[in-house]
């Protein structure tokens, strides 16, 4: 993603080298070998899987914080990896995707783990916990999708002018976190490629979200028995915080924590605070 390259450019060289040494990156073929999922892993401690949102995966300060306490596995959703964009065409629906992730967990040797997901990744984490309850020991959902209210509509970010995305995603669209996520750099060719990759990532995830981000989770969510934490930025302009009620009404163990001074990506806007919430939740 565009922000990843920009962020690396602002890191001291020795820090970048250390971070790369600690990173374990592998690509695992699932779905009868037709879908390749790249997984970035770092840290030590109990396993934790992070499922990213609609704009692709960037290893960011939030994941660095989690990696201090957990072995974090962060897969790139099918189609969002620049080298294998066409793999998404082998998946027809959300159930195909859920099965792919079950195969991925098997390949990684992951049994009962903490699942953390943001937005689309939160919806997917919830679907995995419903389909395979034994897979999730804890469920932390950051502004998850999965429901629809006519009175409180989720904003379709795919229909927005790309230049306006930061103001919908971040409380402060001029922040360093926003720059890391959406910066495209000065080189025209690199900027064009970054925009193409962002659009493709939104399409590869949007395939399982739109036209409405309600794919029947309400029929399956009763199967979620694991302790669940919902985290929402108080100023989320994309997925209104009232959607937390849809989850707490249906998951008996669910509780909500809101994040001051944050929009749709509280884990990027206040990484230390959100990582602390998750550490305390998993430890409890």
Foldseek 3Di string as FASTA:
>chain_A
DQLQVVVVVPDDPVVVVVVVVQKDWDWDADPVRLFIKIKIWGADEAEEEEEEDLQWDHCAVLVVLLRPHHTYIYITQTLLPVVHNPSLVVDQELVSSLVRVVVVCVVVVQWEGAYEYAALGLLSQLVNCLVRVRRYQEYEYQLYFADADPVFGFDDPLPDDVVCVLVQAKVDCVDPLNCSRDPQDDDPVSSVVSVVSRNRSNVSSVSHAPPHNHPPVLVRSLSRAHQYEYEYECAANRRHPVCVVVNCVRHVNYDYDYDYRTYRCCCSVPSVVVSVVVVVVVVD
